[in-house]
């Protein structure tokens, strides 16, 4: 008899295990989906950040080339450049608050916004935003809902510095020959500005001995010739083969040139020579023989324009001169010869020039002259006067404003005093053992020929 084997039923149940696998599968899928979404959104944010930075860089570079001469044009150029860039598929739009003109200090690496006036502006900061308050709004996230974040605010900025133009503290206009010569132990320091030399010569800048040059930039059309123990500021930008820069006070001699002062030579105050221990107070006007001071003389020039022929302005010995609110206009055979050991203070005319002499009754300047025409110019040598100028005093020398010698050479030497806010000359020679300090304040700029990013 054949026995039939009964199948054993299993009493174990696998349904709970299968259910847990499904749960974990769902959890892992959700985590994978979240991770994928996060990766996609992070990638999008990274791409957008790069696009924003590119837009900020290009807008800042374009606008900076105009920022010294016209902040309005610089802003428009930045806007026009930004709109050609696309961020997350949208053309970039800038608002007025995204465009910030100011001054960049290369030595400290700092940017200071300038909201009033134009003096000192040399850089442009651009902020490109995709935020809830920007015209294009924030960027949208693909999977941000999973994290309760549908959008994301992001911005990038760039600062571009204007360079290579005549926004300089020292400008040598001569198109050939040695434009700037330095010798001995002389030091030239241009605070907050550049040195620009127009000469195309291979020795357009010649430095020898123990000379030093410290400026934000040395911009030369030609080349430089260095010998001896010359020291150049390591942080200074060296821009060789630069573009030719026009005279900022006469960019176009045929149509756009600062006029030379008109005067009445029939009202001649003659020649003045103060010497020994004499004191004198002089009024503005036409001096056919010029003004001389020597010995221990003490001379005060009242505010206004002085038209000086003959000896021009000649200060020697221990003579002191105080000339506040004046412009010395050197014509004919006149020349500038300041070589003494006394105290020399010359400041230019300004809109508040009457503060220097509130009770004076004489005219400050020739009738019909607009004070703003020659504001901030301390010395103006006529363009057809090619007599060399010498400012080589060893006393206390404090010159402010623009020193303008477009048709002649200027010889400088001294003991570390201030030689104005801007020096414009045909050629410049610096010698001796002292430091020549030009404190540039952004005056008389023309459009730079290049710009570069600093931040």
Protein backbone atom coordinates (compact mmCIF):
# COMPACT_ATOMS: atom_id res chain seq x y z
CA UNK A 1 0.00 0.00 0.00
CA UNK A 2 1.47 3.31 -1.13
CA UNK A 3 1.67 5.98 1.48
CA UNK A 4 0.79 9.48 0.52
CA UNK A 5 3.12 12.22 1.90
CA UNK A 6 1.28 15.29 3.03
CA UNK A 7 2.74 18.66 2.11
CA UNK A 8 3.84 20.67 5.11
CA UNK A 9 2.35 24.05 5.28
CA UNK A 10 4.57 26.82 6.34
CA UNK A 11 3.22 28.83 9.13
CA UNK A 12 5.68 31.77 8.56
CA UNK A 13 4.33 34.96 7.01
CA UNK A 14 6.46 37.28 4.74
CA UNK A 15 3.92 39.99 4.09
CA UNK A 16 5.26 42.43 6.72
CA UNK A 17 8.80 42.20 5.28
CA UNK A 18 7.56 42.90 1.79
CA UNK A 19 5.67 45.96 3.10
CA UNK A 20 8.78 47.39 4.77
CA UNK A 21 10.76 47.05 1.58
CA UNK A 22 8.16 49.08 -0.22
CA UNK A 23 8.26 51.77 2.47
CA UNK A 24 12.02 52.02 2.36
CA UNK A 25 11.96 52.08 -1.41
CA UNK A 26 9.61 55.04 -1.33
CA UNK A 27 11.77 56.80 1.26
CA UNK A 28 14.91 56.26 -0.80
CA UNK A 29 13.14 57.44 -3.94
CA UNK A 30 12.02 60.59 -2.16
CA UNK A 31 15.54 61.19 -0.84
CA UNK A 32 16.98 60.58 -4.30
CA UNK A 33 14.44 62.96 -5.78
CA UNK A 34 15.25 65.59 -3.15
CA UNK A 35 19.00 65.14 -3.68
CA UNK A 36 18.58 65.36 -7.44
CA UNK A 37 16.41 68.46 -7.08
CA UNK A 38 18.88 70.03 -4.68
CA UNK A 39 21.75 69.29 -7.06
CA UNK A 40 19.83 70.80 -9.97
CA UNK A 41 18.97 73.93 -7.99
CA UNK A 42 22.51 74.30 -6.66
CA UNK A 43 23.77 73.93 -10.21
CA UNK A 44 21.32 76.56 -11.38
CA UNK A 45 22.38 78.96 -8.63
CA UNK A 46 26.04 78.39 -9.55
CA UNK A 47 25.37 79.10 -13.23
CA UNK A 48 23.34 82.20 -12.38
CA UNK A 49 26.11 83.46 -10.07
CA UNK A 50 28.62 83.12 -12.91
CA UNK A 51 26.30 84.91 -15.33
CA UNK A 52 25.72 87.72 -12.80
CA UNK A 53 29.46 88.14 -12.24
CA UNK A 54 30.15 88.26 -15.98
CA UNK A 55 27.45 90.91 -16.40
CA UNK A 56 28.81 92.96 -13.50
CA UNK A 57 32.38 92.74 -14.83
CA UNK A 58 31.49 93.82 -18.35
CA UNK A 59 29.23 96.68 -17.21
CA UNK A 60 31.83 97.99 -14.75
CA UNK A 61 34.63 97.88 -17.34
CA UNK A 62 32.53 99.70 -19.93
CA UNK A 63 31.25 102.38 -17.56
CA UNK A 64 34.60 103.04 -15.86
CA UNK A 65 36.11 104.41 -19.05
CA UNK A 66 33.71 107.34 -18.83
CA UNK A 67 33.32 107.75 -15.09
CA UNK A 68 35.97 110.48 -14.69
CA UNK A 69 34.46 112.77 -17.28
CA UNK A 70 30.73 112.10 -17.00
CA UNK A 71 29.04 109.97 -14.39
CA UNK A 72 25.80 110.20 -16.37
CA UNK A 73 27.42 108.79 -19.51
CA UNK A 74 29.21 106.17 -17.44
CA UNK A 75 25.94 105.00 -15.92
CA UNK A 76 24.24 104.83 -19.32
CA UNK A 77 27.16 102.89 -20.77
CA UNK A 78 26.96 100.42 -17.89
CA UNK A 79 23.20 100.02 -18.42
CA UNK A 80 23.62 99.49 -22.17
CA UNK A 81 26.35 96.91 -21.59
CA UNK A 82 24.49 95.06 -18.85
CA UNK A 83 21.36 94.66 -20.98
CA UNK A 84 23.39 92.70 -23.53
CA UNK A 85 24.02 90.04 -20.88
CA UNK A 86 21.49 87.35 -20.00
CA UNK A 87 20.99 85.77 -16.60
CA UNK A 88 18.68 82.77 -16.36
CA UNK A 89 17.29 83.64 -19.79
CA UNK A 90 16.51 87.28 -18.95
CA UNK A 91 18.36 90.41 -20.07
CA UNK A 92 20.09 92.16 -17.16
CA UNK A 93 18.52 95.42 -16.01
CA UNK A 94 20.31 97.89 -13.72
CA UNK A 95 18.77 100.53 -11.50
CA UNK A 96 20.41 103.76 -10.35
CA UNK A 97 21.24 102.20 -6.99
CA UNK A 98 23.20 99.46 -8.79
CA UNK A 99 25.64 102.00 -10.27
CA UNK A 100 28.05 103.56 -7.76
CA UNK A 101 30.84 105.97 -8.80
CA UNK A 102 33.62 106.48 -6.30
CA UNK A 103 37.31 106.45 -5.56
CA UNK A 104 39.42 103.31 -5.37
CA UNK A 105 42.55 103.47 -3.22
CA UNK A 106 45.01 101.01 -4.71
CA UNK A 107 47.32 101.20 -1.72
CA UNK A 108 44.66 100.07 0.75
CA UNK A 109 42.41 98.17 -1.65
CA UNK A 110 39.36 100.18 -0.57
CA UNK A 111 36.49 101.71 -2.51
CA UNK A 112 34.74 104.86 -1.26
CA UNK A 113 31.47 105.91 -2.93
CA UNK A 114 31.29 109.60 -3.96
CA UNK A 115 27.70 110.81 -4.03
CA UNK A 116 28.26 114.57 -4.30
CA UNK A 117 30.56 116.36 -6.73
CA UNK A 118 33.00 114.74 -9.13
CA UNK A 119 36.39 115.42 -7.57
CA UNK A 120 38.39 112.26 -6.95
CA UNK A 121 36.19 109.83 -8.88
CA UNK A 122 38.32 107.17 -10.58
CA UNK A 123 36.29 103.96 -10.37
CA UNK A 124 32.85 102.49 -10.88
CA UNK A 125 31.11 99.81 -8.87
CA UNK A 126 28.30 97.78 -10.47
CA UNK A 127 25.90 95.53 -8.57
CA UNK A 128 23.92 93.02 -10.64
CA UNK A 129 21.00 91.48 -8.77
CA UNK A 130 18.39 88.79 -9.13
CA UNK A 131 16.47 89.52 -5.96
CA UNK A 132 12.88 90.16 -4.95
CA UNK A 133 13.54 93.92 -5.21
CA UNK A 134 15.33 93.86 -8.58
CA UNK A 135 13.61 94.48 -11.93
CA UNK A 136 14.07 90.83 -13.00
CA UNK A 137 13.07 89.43 -9.64
CA UNK A 138 14.67 86.44 -7.87
CA UNK A 139 15.55 83.22 -9.64
CA UNK A 140 13.04 80.38 -9.46
CA UNK A 141 14.04 76.98 -8.10
CA UNK A 142 13.02 73.69 -9.71
CA UNK A 143 12.56 71.72 -6.53
CA UNK A 144 12.60 74.46 -3.94
CA UNK A 145 9.05 73.61 -2.94
CA UNK A 146 10.39 70.47 -1.28
CA UNK A 147 12.30 72.75 1.06
CA UNK A 148 9.65 75.47 1.28
CA UNK A 149 11.78 77.75 -0.92
CA UNK A 150 10.40 78.58 -4.35
CA UNK A 151 12.87 81.40 -5.17
CA UNK A 152 16.39 82.48 -4.28
CA UNK A 153 17.96 85.97 -4.02
CA UNK A 154 21.48 86.36 -5.38
CA UNK A 155 23.71 89.29 -6.43
CA UNK A 156 27.25 89.89 -7.60
CA UNK A 157 29.35 93.06 -7.87
CA UNK A 158 32.43 94.35 -9.65
CA UNK A 159 34.66 97.43 -9.32
CA UNK A 160 36.59 98.73 -12.33
CA UNK A 161 39.29 101.38 -12.14
CA UNK A 162 39.71 103.94 -14.92
CA UNK A 163 43.27 104.11 -16.21
CA UNK A 164 45.45 105.28 -19.04
CA UNK A 165 43.85 108.68 -19.60
CA UNK A 166 44.83 112.12 -18.42
CA UNK A 167 43.17 111.70 -15.06
CA UNK A 168 46.67 112.19 -13.74
CA UNK A 169 48.49 114.31 -11.21
CA UNK A 170 51.43 114.82 -13.56
CA UNK A 171 51.15 115.17 -17.34
CA UNK A 172 54.09 115.73 -19.72
CA UNK A 173 52.63 116.83 -23.07
CA UNK A 174 55.69 116.84 -25.35
CA UNK A 175 55.21 114.28 -28.19
CA UNK A 176 58.93 113.48 -28.48
CA UNK A 177 62.17 113.65 -26.53
CA UNK A 178 62.47 113.17 -22.78
CA UNK A 179 59.12 114.06 -21.28
CA UNK A 180 60.02 113.30 -17.66
CA UNK A 181 63.62 113.33 -16.38
CA UNK A 182 64.59 112.46 -12.81
CA UNK A 183 68.10 112.52 -11.38
CA UNK A 184 70.05 112.67 -8.13
CA UNK A 185 68.12 111.55 -5.06
CA UNK A 186 64.85 113.07 -6.15
CA UNK A 187 61.51 111.48 -5.28
CA UNK A 188 58.23 112.07 -7.06
CA UNK A 189 55.07 111.12 -5.19
CA UNK A 190 51.65 111.53 -6.79
CA UNK A 191 49.05 110.83 -4.15
CA UNK A 192 45.87 109.39 -5.63
CA UNK A 193 46.84 109.84 -9.27
CA UNK A 194 48.92 108.75 -12.23
CA UNK A 195 51.86 110.10 -14.20
CA UNK A 196 51.23 110.37 -17.95
CA UNK A 197 53.99 111.03 -20.50
CA UNK A 198 53.06 111.63 -24.15
CA UNK A 199 56.51 111.30 -25.69
CA UNK A 200 56.99 108.47 -28.18
CA UNK A 201 60.74 108.33 -27.54
CA UNK A 202 62.53 105.27 -26.21
CA UNK A 203 63.66 107.43 -23.28
CA UNK A 204 60.36 109.27 -22.81
CA UNK A 205 60.93 108.74 -19.08
CA UNK A 206 64.57 108.85 -18.01
CA UNK A 207 65.44 108.08 -14.39
CA UNK A 208 68.93 107.66 -12.97
CA UNK A 209 70.75 107.92 -9.67
CA UNK A 210 68.74 107.08 -6.56
CA UNK A 211 65.43 108.42 -7.81
CA UNK A 212 62.04 107.10 -6.73
CA UNK A 213 58.61 107.28 -8.34
CA UNK A 214 55.43 106.53 -6.43
CA UNK A 215 52.04 106.88 -8.17
CA UNK A 216 48.98 104.79 -8.97
CA UNK A 217 50.16 104.42 -12.57
CA UNK A 218 52.99 105.38 -14.89
CA UNK A 219 51.49 105.66 -18.38
CA UNK A 220 53.94 106.28 -21.22
CA UNK A 221 53.36 106.45 -24.98
CA UNK A 222 56.99 105.51 -25.62
CA UNK A 223 59.38 103.69 -23.27
CA UNK A 224 61.37 104.24 -20.09
CA UNK A 225 65.14 104.42 -19.57
CA UNK A 226 66.28 103.45 -16.07
CA UNK A 227 69.80 103.37 -14.65
CA UNK A 228 71.39 103.43 -11.21
CA UNK A 229 69.36 102.58 -8.11
CA UNK A 230 66.00 103.65 -9.44
CA UNK A 231 63.02 102.59 -7.36
CA UNK A 232 59.51 102.26 -8.76
CA UNK A 233 56.53 101.67 -6.52
CA UNK A 234 55.87 97.90 -6.79
CA UNK A 235 52.12 98.50 -6.63
CA UNK A 236 52.21 101.05 -9.44
CA UNK A 237 50.73 100.03 -12.78
CA UNK A 238 53.26 100.35 -15.60
CA UNK A 239 51.39 101.13 -18.81
CA UNK A 240 53.79 101.35 -21.75
CA UNK A 241 52.73 101.94 -25.34
CA UNK A 242 49.83 104.01 -23.96
CA UNK A 243 47.56 106.19 -26.06
CA UNK A 244 48.43 109.84 -26.63
CA UNK A 245 46.55 112.10 -24.21
CA UNK A 246 45.48 115.63 -25.17
CA UNK A 247 46.09 118.65 -22.98
CA UNK A 248 43.12 118.55 -20.55
CA UNK A 249 42.86 122.36 -20.65
CA UNK A 250 43.14 122.46 -24.43
CA UNK A 251 41.97 119.12 -25.88
CA UNK A 252 41.18 120.77 -29.23
CA UNK A 253 43.12 123.99 -29.94
CA UNK A 254 40.61 124.94 -32.64
CA UNK A 255 37.39 124.60 -30.71
CA UNK A 256 37.84 123.53 -27.12
CA UNK A 257 40.63 125.39 -25.37
CA UNK A 258 40.60 127.24 -22.06
CA UNK A 259 40.93 130.90 -23.11
CA UNK A 260 43.84 132.90 -21.86
CA UNK A 261 42.84 135.84 -19.63
CA UNK A 262 42.11 139.15 -21.32
CA UNK A 263 43.62 142.28 -19.75
CA UNK A 264 44.03 146.01 -20.35
CA UNK A 265 47.73 146.82 -20.74
CA UNK A 266 46.99 150.54 -20.54
CA UNK A 267 46.37 150.09 -16.85
CA UNK A 268 49.96 149.12 -16.10
CA UNK A 269 51.08 148.64 -12.51
CA UNK A 270 54.69 148.54 -13.70
CA UNK A 271 57.45 146.60 -12.00
CA UNK A 272 57.63 145.73 -8.33
CA UNK A 273 60.78 144.68 -6.50
CA UNK A 274 60.57 144.15 -2.75
CA UNK A 275 63.89 143.45 -1.02
CA UNK A 276 65.70 143.54 2.32
CA UNK A 277 63.19 143.58 5.19
CA UNK A 278 60.42 145.39 3.32
CA UNK A 279 56.78 144.41 3.50
CA UNK A 280 54.29 144.90 0.68
CA UNK A 281 50.64 144.18 -0.09
CA UNK A 282 49.90 144.02 -3.82
CA UNK A 283 46.66 144.07 -5.77
CA UNK A 284 45.80 142.05 -8.89
CA UNK A 285 46.29 143.56 -12.33
CA UNK A 286 48.83 143.93 -15.15
CA UNK A 287 52.51 144.21 -14.16
CA UNK A 288 54.63 144.84 -17.25
CA UNK A 289 57.85 144.33 -15.28
CA UNK A 290 56.64 141.49 -13.09
CA UNK A 291 56.97 141.00 -9.35
CA UNK A 292 60.27 140.29 -7.59
CA UNK A 293 60.90 139.57 -3.92
CA UNK A 294 64.29 138.93 -2.35
CA UNK A 295 66.18 139.22 0.91
CA UNK A 296 63.83 138.97 3.87
CA UNK A 297 60.92 140.60 2.10
CA UNK A 298 57.38 139.78 3.13
CA UNK A 299 54.84 140.03 0.29
CA UNK A 300 51.08 139.51 0.30
CA UNK A 301 49.13 139.19 -2.95
CA UNK A 302 45.46 140.03 -2.60
CA UNK A 303 42.97 137.72 -4.38
CA UNK A 304 42.59 137.97 -8.14
CA UNK A 305 44.43 137.49 -11.44
CA UNK A 306 47.99 138.81 -11.82
CA UNK A 307 49.20 139.32 -15.40
CA UNK A 308 53.00 139.20 -15.17
CA UNK A 309 55.47 140.13 -17.92
CA UNK A 310 59.12 141.13 -17.53
CA UNK A 311 60.51 139.28 -14.54
CA UNK A 312 57.31 137.29 -14.15
CA UNK A 313 57.21 136.03 -10.58
CA UNK A 314 60.70 135.91 -9.05
CA UNK A 315 61.06 134.84 -5.41
CA UNK A 316 64.55 134.39 -3.98
CA UNK A 317 66.55 134.68 -0.79
CA UNK A 318 64.47 134.35 2.35
CA UNK A 319 61.49 136.20 0.97
CA UNK A 320 58.05 135.10 2.10
CA UNK A 321 55.02 135.30 -0.16
CA UNK A 322 51.40 134.70 0.76
CA UNK A 323 49.07 134.59 -2.24
CA UNK A 324 45.63 133.26 -1.38
CA UNK A 325 42.90 133.15 -3.99
CA UNK A 326 45.09 134.16 -6.92
CA UNK A 327 46.06 133.05 -10.40
CA UNK A 328 49.47 134.06 -11.74
CA UNK A 329 49.27 134.47 -15.52
CA UNK A 330 52.79 134.59 -16.99
CA UNK A 331 53.10 136.28 -20.40
CA UNK A 332 55.71 137.66 -22.83
CA UNK A 333 59.20 137.49 -21.37
CA UNK A 334 57.93 136.55 -17.94
CA UNK A 335 58.83 133.36 -16.18
CA UNK A 336 58.30 131.53 -12.93
CA UNK A 337 61.43 131.54 -10.77
CA UNK A 338 60.78 130.43 -7.20
CA UNK A 339 64.18 129.49 -5.80
CA UNK A 340 64.41 130.96 -2.33
CA UNK A 341 64.46 129.63 1.19
CA UNK A 342 61.46 131.51 2.46
CA UNK A 343 57.85 130.52 2.99
CA UNK A 344 55.79 130.45 -0.20
CA UNK A 345 52.03 129.87 -0.09
CA UNK A 346 49.98 130.09 -3.28
CA UNK A 347 46.35 128.96 -3.45
CA UNK A 348 44.04 129.34 -6.45
CA UNK A 349 40.82 131.30 -6.85
CA UNK A 350 37.71 129.54 -5.66
CA UNK A 351 34.04 130.39 -5.47
CA UNK A 352 34.46 131.45 -1.86
CA UNK A 353 37.57 133.50 -2.64
CA UNK A 354 36.02 136.61 -1.06
CA UNK A 355 36.58 135.02 2.35
CA UNK A 356 40.24 135.93 1.98
CA UNK A 357 39.51 139.62 1.75
CA UNK A 358 35.90 140.49 2.61
CA UNK A 359 36.50 144.26 2.87
CA UNK A 360 38.62 144.81 -0.25
CA UNK A 361 37.43 147.44 -2.76
CA UNK A 362 39.75 146.70 -5.69
CA UNK A 363 38.66 144.41 -8.56
CA UNK A 364 39.55 140.77 -8.03
CA UNK A 365 40.00 140.05 -11.73
CA UNK A 366 39.70 141.80 -15.11
CA UNK A 367 36.16 143.04 -15.82
CA UNK A 368 34.02 140.40 -17.50
CA UNK A 369 36.07 137.49 -16.20
CA UNK A 370 34.04 134.58 -14.86
CA UNK A 371 35.60 133.33 -11.65
CA UNK A 372 34.72 129.75 -12.56
CA UNK A 373 36.75 129.94 -15.81
CA UNK A 374 40.05 129.94 -13.92
CA UNK A 375 38.91 128.42 -10.68
CA UNK A 376 41.51 126.12 -9.08
CA UNK A 377 44.35 127.22 -11.42
CA UNK A 378 47.22 128.73 -9.43
CA UNK A 379 49.80 129.33 -12.18
CA UNK A 380 49.01 129.65 -15.90
CA UNK A 381 51.97 130.29 -18.20
CA UNK A 382 50.84 131.54 -21.60
CA UNK A 383 50.94 128.82 -24.24
CA UNK A 384 53.30 130.85 -26.44
CA UNK A 385 55.71 131.53 -23.56
CA UNK A 386 58.45 128.91 -23.73
CA UNK A 387 60.65 130.21 -20.90
CA UNK A 388 61.64 127.45 -18.48
CA UNK A 389 59.98 127.59 -15.09
CA UNK A 390 61.88 126.85 -11.89
CA UNK A 391 60.27 125.88 -8.62
CA UNK A 392 63.21 124.78 -6.52
CA UNK A 393 62.72 126.39 -3.14
CA UNK A 394 64.28 124.95 -0.03
CA UNK A 395 61.99 126.70 2.41
CA UNK A 396 58.36 125.99 3.22
CA UNK A 397 56.68 125.58 -0.15
CA UNK A 398 52.94 125.07 -0.34
CA UNK A 399 51.37 125.31 -3.79
CA UNK A 400 47.77 124.30 -4.35
CA UNK A 401 45.65 123.96 -7.48
CA UNK A 402 46.71 123.34 -11.07
CA UNK A 403 50.17 124.42 -12.27
CA UNK A 404 49.90 124.83 -16.04
CA UNK A 405 52.97 125.13 -18.30
CA UNK A 406 51.79 123.60 -21.57
CA UNK A 407 54.45 125.30 -23.74
CA UNK A 408 57.55 125.04 -21.60
CA UNK A 409 59.71 122.94 -19.30
CA UNK A 410 59.37 122.95 -15.53
CA UNK A 411 62.35 122.27 -13.26
CA UNK A 412 61.39 121.03 -9.80
CA UNK A 413 63.43 120.47 -6.68
CA UNK A 414 62.76 120.92 -3.01
CA UNK A 415 62.55 119.39 0.39
CA UNK A 416 59.31 117.50 0.40
CA UNK A 417 56.74 120.23 0.19
CA UNK A 418 53.50 120.29 -1.79
CA UNK A 419 53.75 121.17 -5.46
CA UNK A 420 50.07 121.54 -6.29
CA UNK A 421 47.18 119.22 -7.05
CA UNK A 422 48.05 118.77 -10.73
CA UNK A 423 51.10 119.61 -12.83
CA UNK A 424 50.66 119.97 -16.60
CA UNK A 425 53.79 120.86 -18.58
CA UNK A 426 55.50 120.32 -21.91
CA UNK A 427 58.46 118.61 -20.23
CA UNK A 428 59.38 118.08 -16.60
CA UNK A 429 62.77 117.74 -14.91
CA UNK A 430 63.09 116.75 -11.25
CA UNK A 431 66.40 116.82 -9.42
CA UNK A 432 67.98 117.40 -6.02
CA UNK A 433 67.54 115.50 -2.80
CA UNK A 434 63.96 116.26 -1.87
CA UNK A 435 60.52 114.79 -2.45
CA UNK A 436 58.12 116.39 -4.90
CA UNK A 437 54.57 115.76 -3.73
CA UNK A 438 51.54 116.20 -5.99
CA UNK A 439 48.24 115.64 -4.21
CA UNK A 440 45.93 114.81 -7.09
CA UNK A 441 42.21 115.29 -6.50
CA UNK A 442 40.68 114.15 -9.79
CA UNK A 443 40.62 117.53 -11.51
CA UNK A 444 40.72 118.16 -15.26
CA UNK A 445 40.26 114.57 -16.44
CA UNK A 446 39.63 113.40 -19.97
CA UNK A 447 38.29 110.00 -20.96
CA UNK A 448 40.69 107.19 -19.99
CA UNK A 449 41.70 104.82 -22.75
CA UNK A 450 41.27 101.68 -20.67
CA UNK A 451 39.90 100.25 -17.47
CA UNK A 452 40.54 97.12 -15.44
CA UNK A 453 38.89 95.18 -12.68
CA UNK A 454 40.15 95.61 -9.14
CA UNK A 455 37.41 93.73 -7.23
